[in-house]
Amino acid sequence: MVKKLSLFIFTLFGLTGLGCFISKALAGSYIDEDGVLHEPFFLIPLGYLFLLVALIALITFLIAKYKERDRFKL
């Protein structure tokens, strides 16, 4: 159960994090006539946060897989 859930969370948050970076790259930035820069900067830290959660889920998945392998080895 833990393995399936952590693998699902890894996939979901990993793709969402990559989507944030792709969206940031595609949604250009511009300077208005007052000289103010407009860009979707919030997507960068949000993307890193999603990738961090995905990494934690991947580590949880690998630990659960390793423990299951050792349990059947004995």
Foldseek 3Di string as FASTA:
>chain_A
DLLVVLVVLLVVLLVQLVVLVVCQVPFDWDADPVRDIDGPPVSNVSSVVSNVSSVVSVVSNVVVVVVVVVVVVD
